[in-house]
Protein backbone atom coordinates (compact mmCIF):
# COMPACT_ATOMS: atom_id res chain seq x y z
CA UNK A 1 11.54 10.39 -33.46
CA UNK A 2 14.19 7.85 -32.55
CA UNK A 3 13.53 4.27 -31.59
CA UNK A 4 15.63 2.69 -28.86
CA UNK A 5 14.50 -0.89 -29.31
CA UNK A 6 17.26 -2.86 -31.06
CA UNK A 7 16.61 -6.63 -30.99
CA UNK A 8 19.72 -8.76 -30.91
CA UNK A 9 21.80 -6.06 -29.21
CA UNK A 10 20.30 -6.30 -25.74
CA UNK A 11 22.60 -5.79 -22.78
CA UNK A 12 21.77 -6.91 -19.28
CA UNK A 13 23.17 -6.56 -15.78
CA UNK A 14 22.37 -7.87 -12.33
CA UNK A 15 24.01 -9.64 -9.41
CA UNK A 16 22.57 -12.73 -7.72
CA UNK A 17 20.85 -12.06 -4.41
CA UNK A 18 22.57 -13.18 -1.19
CA UNK A 19 20.71 -15.69 0.93
CA UNK A 20 19.99 -13.09 3.63
CA UNK A 21 19.67 -9.35 3.30
CA UNK A 22 21.54 -6.90 5.56
CA UNK A 23 18.66 -6.21 7.89
CA UNK A 24 17.52 -2.66 8.59
CA UNK A 25 18.06 0.06 11.17
CA UNK A 26 15.20 2.43 12.01
CA UNK A 27 16.06 5.60 13.96
CA UNK A 28 13.73 7.79 16.02
CA UNK A 29 14.23 10.83 18.22
CA UNK A 30 12.04 11.08 21.28
CA UNK A 31 9.97 14.27 21.14
CA UNK A 32 8.28 16.10 23.97
CA UNK A 33 4.95 14.52 23.08
CA UNK A 34 6.50 11.05 23.48
CA UNK A 35 8.33 11.69 26.75
CA UNK A 36 7.23 9.66 29.74
CA UNK A 37 6.09 6.86 27.43
CA UNK A 38 7.64 3.47 28.05
CA UNK A 39 9.68 1.78 25.32
CA UNK A 40 6.93 -0.75 24.61
CA UNK A 41 4.28 1.98 24.49
CA UNK A 42 6.33 4.02 22.01
CA UNK A 43 6.86 1.21 19.50
CA UNK A 44 3.53 -0.57 19.86
CA UNK A 45 1.67 2.73 19.27
CA UNK A 46 3.84 4.39 16.62
CA UNK A 47 4.57 1.23 14.64
CA UNK A 48 1.47 -0.86 15.29
CA UNK A 49 1.38 -1.86 11.61
CA UNK A 50 4.84 -3.42 11.89
CA UNK A 51 4.15 -5.85 14.74
CA UNK A 52 1.60 -6.66 17.44
CA UNK A 53 2.27 -5.76 21.07
CA UNK A 54 3.72 -9.19 21.84
CA UNK A 55 5.99 -8.93 18.79
CA UNK A 56 7.48 -5.62 19.94
CA UNK A 57 7.97 -7.05 23.40
CA UNK A 58 9.94 -9.94 21.88
CA UNK A 59 12.09 -7.54 19.83
CA UNK A 60 12.92 -5.48 22.90
CA UNK A 61 13.79 -8.51 25.02
CA UNK A 62 15.96 -9.84 22.16
CA UNK A 63 18.12 -6.73 22.40
CA UNK A 64 17.12 -5.31 19.01
CA UNK A 65 16.51 -1.78 20.34
CA UNK A 66 19.03 0.69 21.69
CA UNK A 67 18.43 3.95 23.57
CA UNK A 68 21.27 6.45 23.18
CA UNK A 69 23.55 3.63 22.08
CA UNK A 70 22.75 1.22 24.93
CA UNK A 71 20.81 -2.01 24.41
CA UNK A 72 17.61 -1.86 26.48
CA UNK A 73 15.78 -5.12 27.20
CA UNK A 74 13.23 -3.79 29.68
CA UNK A 75 9.99 -2.93 27.78
CA UNK A 76 8.88 -0.66 30.64
CA UNK A 77 11.88 1.68 30.44
CA UNK A 78 10.65 5.30 30.51
CA UNK A 79 11.81 7.50 27.62
CA UNK A 80 13.29 10.99 27.90
CA UNK A 81 13.06 13.91 25.46
CA UNK A 82 15.95 13.95 22.96
CA UNK A 83 16.91 10.31 23.34
CA UNK A 84 17.84 8.47 20.13
CA UNK A 85 16.10 5.15 19.57
CA UNK A 86 17.39 2.60 17.07
CA UNK A 87 15.50 -0.57 16.16
CA UNK A 88 17.52 -3.25 14.36
CA UNK A 89 15.43 -5.46 12.12
CA UNK A 90 17.48 -8.65 11.91
CA UNK A 91 18.49 -9.98 8.46
CA UNK A 92 15.98 -12.28 6.76
CA UNK A 93 15.62 -14.26 3.56
CA UNK A 94 13.43 -12.36 1.15
CA UNK A 95 11.07 -14.23 -1.22
CA UNK A 96 12.55 -15.39 -4.52
CA UNK A 97 12.90 -12.70 -7.18
CA UNK A 98 14.72 -12.42 -10.53
CA UNK A 99 17.86 -10.29 -10.59
CA UNK A 100 18.76 -9.72 -14.26
CA UNK A 101 17.70 -6.45 -15.91
CA UNK A 102 17.80 -5.90 -19.65
CA UNK A 103 18.87 -2.45 -20.85
CA UNK A 104 16.56 -1.09 -23.55
CA UNK A 105 18.12 2.36 -23.82
CA UNK A 106 20.86 4.34 -22.06
CA UNK A 107 22.55 7.73 -22.35
CA UNK A 108 24.14 10.20 -19.94
CA UNK A 109 20.78 11.28 -18.51
CA UNK A 110 18.58 8.20 -18.31
CA UNK A 111 18.35 4.46 -18.63
CA UNK A 112 15.33 2.38 -19.65
CA UNK A 113 15.10 -1.17 -18.34
CA UNK A 114 12.97 -4.19 -19.16
CA UNK A 115 11.79 -5.14 -15.68
CA UNK A 116 10.94 -8.83 -15.25
CA UNK A 117 7.76 -9.94 -13.54
CA UNK A 118 8.38 -10.83 -9.90
CA UNK A 119 10.89 -8.07 -9.17
CA UNK A 120 9.82 -5.14 -6.99
CA UNK A 121 10.93 -1.64 -8.05
CA UNK A 122 11.44 0.05 -4.66
CA UNK A 123 11.92 -1.34 -1.13
CA UNK A 124 8.77 -2.20 0.77
CA UNK A 125 7.37 -4.96 2.96
CA UNK A 126 9.34 -8.19 2.73
CA UNK A 127 11.38 -6.83 -0.19
CA UNK A 128 14.01 -4.46 1.19
CA UNK A 129 16.98 -5.68 -0.84
CA UNK A 130 15.60 -7.65 -3.79
CA UNK A 131 14.55 -4.61 -5.81
CA UNK A 132 15.43 -2.79 -9.01
CA UNK A 133 16.82 0.07 -6.92
CA UNK A 134 19.34 -2.23 -5.23
CA UNK A 135 20.58 -3.61 -8.56
CA UNK A 136 21.05 -0.05 -9.87
CA UNK A 137 23.07 0.82 -6.76
CA UNK A 138 25.21 -2.30 -7.05
CA UNK A 139 25.80 -1.64 -10.75
CA UNK A 140 26.87 1.96 -10.11
CA UNK A 141 29.22 0.83 -7.34
CA UNK A 142 30.81 -1.78 -9.61
CA UNK A 143 31.26 0.78 -12.40
CA UNK A 144 32.96 3.24 -10.03
CA UNK A 145 35.38 0.56 -8.86
CA UNK A 146 36.33 -0.22 -12.47
CA UNK A 147 36.78 3.44 -13.42
CA UNK A 148 40.02 5.30 -12.73
CA UNK A 149 38.10 8.59 -12.70
CA UNK A 150 36.41 9.92 -9.61
CA UNK A 151 32.65 9.85 -10.08
CA UNK A 152 30.35 11.74 -7.77
CA UNK A 153 27.13 11.30 -9.72
CA UNK A 154 24.38 9.50 -7.81
CA UNK A 155 23.28 6.08 -9.05
CA UNK A 156 20.28 5.82 -11.36
CA UNK A 157 16.86 5.77 -9.71
CA UNK A 158 13.41 4.76 -11.04
CA UNK A 159 11.12 7.72 -11.73
CA UNK A 160 7.88 5.73 -11.70
CA UNK A 161 6.66 2.34 -10.49
CA UNK A 162 5.51 -0.91 -12.01
CA UNK A 163 3.72 -3.52 -9.91
CA UNK A 164 5.89 -6.44 -8.81
CA UNK A 165 3.99 -8.77 -11.14
CA UNK A 166 4.13 -6.32 -14.06
CA UNK A 167 6.96 -6.56 -16.58
CA UNK A 168 8.24 -4.14 -19.20
CA UNK A 169 9.64 -0.63 -19.69
CA UNK A 170 10.87 1.10 -16.54
CA UNK A 171 12.42 4.57 -16.80
CA UNK A 172 15.27 5.55 -14.50
CA UNK A 173 17.09 8.88 -14.17
CA UNK A 174 20.87 9.15 -13.91
CA UNK A 175 21.05 12.85 -12.99
CA UNK A 176 19.12 15.15 -10.67
CA UNK A 177 17.88 17.23 -13.62
CA UNK A 178 16.62 14.18 -15.50
CA UNK A 179 14.92 12.88 -12.36
CA UNK A 180 13.13 16.17 -11.78
CA UNK A 181 11.91 16.49 -15.36
CA UNK A 182 10.90 12.86 -15.86
CA UNK A 183 9.02 12.82 -12.56
CA UNK A 184 7.25 16.00 -13.65
CA UNK A 185 6.17 14.31 -16.90
CA UNK A 186 4.37 11.57 -14.97
CA UNK A 187 2.89 13.97 -12.43
CA UNK A 188 1.66 16.29 -15.18
CA UNK A 189 -0.16 13.48 -16.97
CA UNK A 190 -1.97 12.47 -13.80
CA UNK A 191 -2.87 16.05 -12.86
CA UNK A 192 -4.71 16.61 -16.15
CA UNK A 193 -6.89 13.52 -15.80
CA UNK A 194 -9.46 15.26 -13.58
CA UNK A 195 -10.22 17.92 -16.16
CA UNK A 196 -10.31 15.37 -18.96
CA UNK A 197 -12.70 13.14 -17.04
CA UNK A 198 -15.05 15.99 -16.21
CA UNK A 199 -15.27 17.16 -19.81
CA UNK A 200 -15.49 13.66 -21.26
CA UNK A 201 -12.49 14.41 -23.47
CA UNK A 202 -10.06 11.94 -24.95
CA UNK A 203 -6.58 11.32 -23.63
CA UNK A 204 -4.38 14.38 -23.96
CA UNK A 205 -2.18 14.53 -27.05
CA UNK A 206 0.17 17.12 -25.49
CA UNK A 207 1.69 14.75 -22.96
CA UNK A 208 5.45 14.32 -22.68
CA UNK A 209 5.15 10.63 -21.80
CA UNK A 210 2.81 8.03 -23.28
CA UNK A 211 2.51 4.55 -21.76
CA UNK A 212 0.99 1.57 -23.58
CA UNK A 213 0.51 -1.77 -21.86
CA UNK A 214 -0.39 -5.24 -23.12
CA UNK A 215 -2.70 -7.44 -21.03
CA UNK A 216 -4.59 -10.73 -21.19
CA UNK A 217 -8.04 -10.54 -19.61
CA UNK A 218 -10.80 -12.99 -18.78
CA UNK A 219 -13.86 -13.13 -20.99
CA UNK A 220 -14.59 -11.62 -24.38
CA UNK A 221 -14.52 -7.82 -24.48
CA UNK A 222 -17.40 -6.97 -26.81
CA UNK A 223 -16.51 -3.39 -27.72
CA UNK A 224 -13.41 -2.72 -29.81
CA UNK A 225 -12.51 0.35 -27.75
CA UNK A 226 -13.45 1.28 -24.18
CA UNK A 227 -12.51 4.38 -22.20
CA UNK A 228 -12.60 3.80 -18.43
CA UNK A 229 -12.94 6.86 -16.20
CA UNK A 230 -13.50 5.13 -12.87
CA UNK A 231 -11.94 6.94 -9.87
CA UNK A 232 -9.59 4.97 -7.64
CA UNK A 233 -9.56 5.27 -3.85
CA UNK A 234 -8.19 3.53 -0.76
CA UNK A 235 -9.91 1.22 1.72
CA UNK A 236 -8.63 -0.56 4.80
CA UNK A 237 -7.52 -4.11 4.04
CA UNK A 238 -5.89 -6.78 6.23
CA UNK A 239 -2.15 -7.03 5.66
CA UNK A 240 -1.83 -3.74 3.75
CA UNK A 241 -0.77 -1.04 6.22
CA UNK A 242 -1.47 1.98 4.02
CA UNK A 243 -4.72 0.59 2.63
CA UNK A 244 -5.72 -1.09 -0.63
CA UNK A 245 -6.44 0.76 -3.88
CA UNK A 246 -9.86 -0.10 -5.32
CA UNK A 247 -12.53 1.32 -7.65
CA UNK A 248 -14.28 3.98 -5.59
CA UNK A 249 -16.70 6.80 -6.53
CA UNK A 250 -14.99 9.02 -3.96
CA UNK A 251 -11.48 8.24 -5.18
CA UNK A 252 -9.09 10.25 -7.35
CA UNK A 253 -9.66 10.59 -11.11
CA UNK A 254 -8.12 7.90 -13.31
CA UNK A 255 -8.35 7.35 -17.06
CA UNK A 256 -7.54 4.30 -19.19
CA UNK A 257 -8.11 3.68 -22.91
CA UNK A 258 -8.63 0.00 -23.69
CA UNK A 259 -8.37 -1.38 -27.24
CA UNK A 260 -9.06 -4.98 -28.24
CA UNK A 261 -6.27 -6.63 -30.22
CA UNK A 262 -7.55 -10.20 -30.43
CA UNK A 263 -10.44 -12.27 -29.05
CA UNK A 264 -9.97 -15.97 -28.29
CA UNK A 265 -13.46 -17.43 -27.99
CA UNK A 266 -12.17 -20.98 -27.41
CA UNK A 267 -10.11 -19.93 -24.38
CA UNK A 268 -12.59 -17.23 -23.33
CA UNK A 269 -9.98 -14.49 -23.13
CA UNK A 270 -9.07 -11.23 -24.86
CA UNK A 271 -5.75 -9.59 -25.69
CA UNK A 272 -5.98 -5.86 -25.03
CA UNK A 273 -3.80 -2.79 -25.32
CA UNK A 274 -4.20 -0.22 -22.57
CA UNK A 275 -3.07 3.38 -22.79
CA UNK A 276 -3.02 5.29 -19.52
CA UNK A 277 -2.57 8.98 -18.80
CA UNK A 278 -2.85 8.84 -15.03
CA UNK A 279 -0.66 6.59 -12.94
CA UNK A 280 -2.76 5.48 -9.99
CA UNK A 281 -1.41 2.36 -8.24
CA UNK A 282 -2.70 -0.85 -9.85
CA UNK A 283 -4.83 1.29 -12.20
CA UNK A 284 -4.96 -1.14 -15.12
CA UNK A 285 -5.77 -4.12 -12.91
CA UNK A 286 -8.54 -2.15 -11.21
CA UNK A 287 -10.00 -0.63 -14.39
CA UNK A 288 -10.08 -3.88 -16.35
CA UNK A 289 -11.72 -5.72 -13.48
CA UNK A 290 -14.13 -2.81 -13.02
CA UNK A 291 -15.48 -3.27 -16.56
CA UNK A 292 -15.92 -7.00 -15.94
CA UNK A 293 -12.67 -8.36 -17.36
CA UNK A 294 -10.02 -8.96 -14.67
CA UNK A 295 -6.54 -9.96 -15.73
CA UNK A 296 -6.21 -13.73 -16.11
CA UNK A 297 -4.41 -15.02 -13.04
CA UNK A 298 -4.90 -11.88 -10.95
CA UNK A 299 -5.03 -13.21 -7.37
CA UNK A 300 -6.48 -10.00 -5.93
CA UNK A 301 -8.90 -8.01 -8.10
CA UNK A 302 -12.22 -9.36 -9.37
CA UNK A 303 -15.18 -7.96 -11.33
CA UNK A 304 -16.08 -4.50 -10.06
CA UNK A 305 -12.52 -3.40 -9.27
CA UNK A 306 -12.67 -4.83 -5.74
CA UNK A 307 -10.57 -7.51 -4.01
CA UNK A 308 -11.71 -11.12 -3.84
CA UNK A 309 -11.80 -11.02 -0.03
CA UNK A 310 -13.37 -7.73 1.01
CA UNK A 311 -14.40 -7.57 4.65
CA UNK A 312 -13.33 -6.01 7.93
CA UNK A 313 -11.71 -9.14 9.32
CA UNK A 314 -8.95 -8.20 11.74
CA UNK A 315 -5.34 -9.13 11.19
CA UNK A 316 -4.16 -12.30 12.95
CA UNK A 317 -2.68 -11.41 16.34
CA UNK A 318 -0.01 -14.08 15.90
CA UNK A 319 3.48 -13.02 14.92
CA UNK A 320 6.42 -14.38 12.95
CA UNK A 321 9.83 -15.37 14.33
CA UNK A 322 11.12 -11.79 13.92
CA UNK A 323 8.22 -10.38 15.93
CA UNK A 324 6.39 -8.99 12.91
CA UNK A 325 2.93 -9.93 11.70
CA UNK A 326 2.46 -13.23 9.93
CA UNK A 327 2.14 -12.99 6.17
CA UNK A 328 -1.52 -12.32 5.29
CA UNK A 329 -3.49 -15.39 4.25
CA UNK A 330 -5.48 -13.25 1.83
CA UNK A 331 -4.10 -11.97 -1.49
CA UNK A 332 -2.16 -8.67 -1.39
CA UNK A 333 -1.20 -6.25 -4.21
CA UNK A 334 2.34 -7.60 -4.57
CA UNK A 335 1.20 -11.13 -5.34
CA UNK A 336 1.96 -12.19 -8.92
CA UNK A 337 0.22 -14.53 -11.36
CA UNK A 338 -1.31 -12.08 -13.83
CA UNK A 339 0.00 -11.08 -17.27
CA UNK A 340 0.56 -7.33 -17.65
CA UNK A 341 3.43 -5.82 -19.63
CA UNK A 342 4.54 -2.19 -20.09
CA UNK A 343 5.10 -2.66 -23.81
CA UNK A 344 5.83 0.84 -25.12
CA UNK A 345 6.76 4.21 -23.68
CA UNK A 346 7.10 7.30 -25.84
CA UNK A 347 8.60 10.35 -24.17
CA UNK A 348 10.29 13.67 -24.69
CA UNK A 349 13.93 13.38 -23.68
CA UNK A 350 14.49 15.31 -20.42
CA UNK A 351 17.41 17.38 -21.77
CA UNK A 352 17.48 17.18 -25.57
CA UNK A 353 13.67 17.34 -26.10
CA UNK A 354 14.01 14.60 -28.71
CA UNK A 355 11.02 12.24 -28.90
CA UNK A 356 12.12 8.71 -27.99
CA UNK A 357 10.09 5.54 -28.44
CA UNK A 358 11.01 2.66 -26.16
CA UNK A 359 9.73 -0.89 -26.57
CA UNK A 360 10.13 -3.98 -24.38
CA UNK A 361 9.73 -7.33 -26.17
CA UNK A 362 6.42 -9.01 -25.46
CA UNK A 363 6.41 -12.19 -23.36
CA UNK A 364 5.20 -15.15 -25.49
CA UNK A 365 1.93 -15.44 -23.56
CA UNK A 366 0.99 -11.85 -24.48
CA UNK A 367 1.57 -12.18 -28.23
CA UNK A 368 -1.40 -12.38 -30.55
CA UNK A 369 -1.58 -15.22 -33.06
CA UNK A 370 -0.25 -12.90 -35.76
CA UNK A 371 2.66 -11.76 -33.58
CA UNK A 372 3.49 -15.34 -32.60
CA UNK A 373 4.06 -16.41 -36.20
């Protein structure tokens, strides 16, 4: 086994974010089932999660939509089969986010980064430019400009996700083969969770990727070790178009192994290590809150693995200056404030089959008293 963590030799890259992003262009082709619809009917029905009716009307009247290359400002224009629609989302200032990424390990096939808390991995919602993916693209472009050799390899891409508020080891593939194999490692671990949960077995020892997280939770965890097998499902939630992941008996299998590292009775908190085999979204946050110990500072999940505000309240019909929905007043999954760190990842190299152990330095707040000495 080789270790790729070399303190004192850390390299980092990253370019500062521009004030405004480049905006976005969304293309659609009118199908037979959509013919005879008006422009406003098409967008307000197909993309109702993007903006309310009045918001789409504003976008159309602002000239942000073209039909076959012509700007159309009349919301009641009837569409024809085969027409190409393009909606231009005007540039906006994305919320603040860090831009520097520390390199933990790199070779010709893959790169492991230490993702900072507050940086989203892939584009989504308000973050379309300020992401890890964008920095990888910019870095690859800069490298090609400096190289005298023609390079046709695609830029590195993340093969799994970490929540925006989660820091630590993030694996990225630099080749198509590495991407396929690394993605398969993560998918294979998740696919075996159902069988393991049904049989009551321990976490599989035959996995090709092992993820260990460090977290700081509320309250004193009484047991030294806890295995959580709570399924995770999706419920409708204001401000989250695709639904919110929560603890749910009817959800998909998920498995987490929690181990206590240190209890702080005076501060009523516990340092824990969490090993996961599955990779359900927000799994650790949900599982720790499910057993009664939410992450300290988590703005969303509370005891039981549910959100703090859990009702069927409708989304505000008001809209922002760009026509889209106003930012939800209630907490959403991307909100930060909690302390969760992907501390160690052990994996089989996608091409050499060598076992590699990656480690991202712990933030000071997640170090035990012994580690802080």
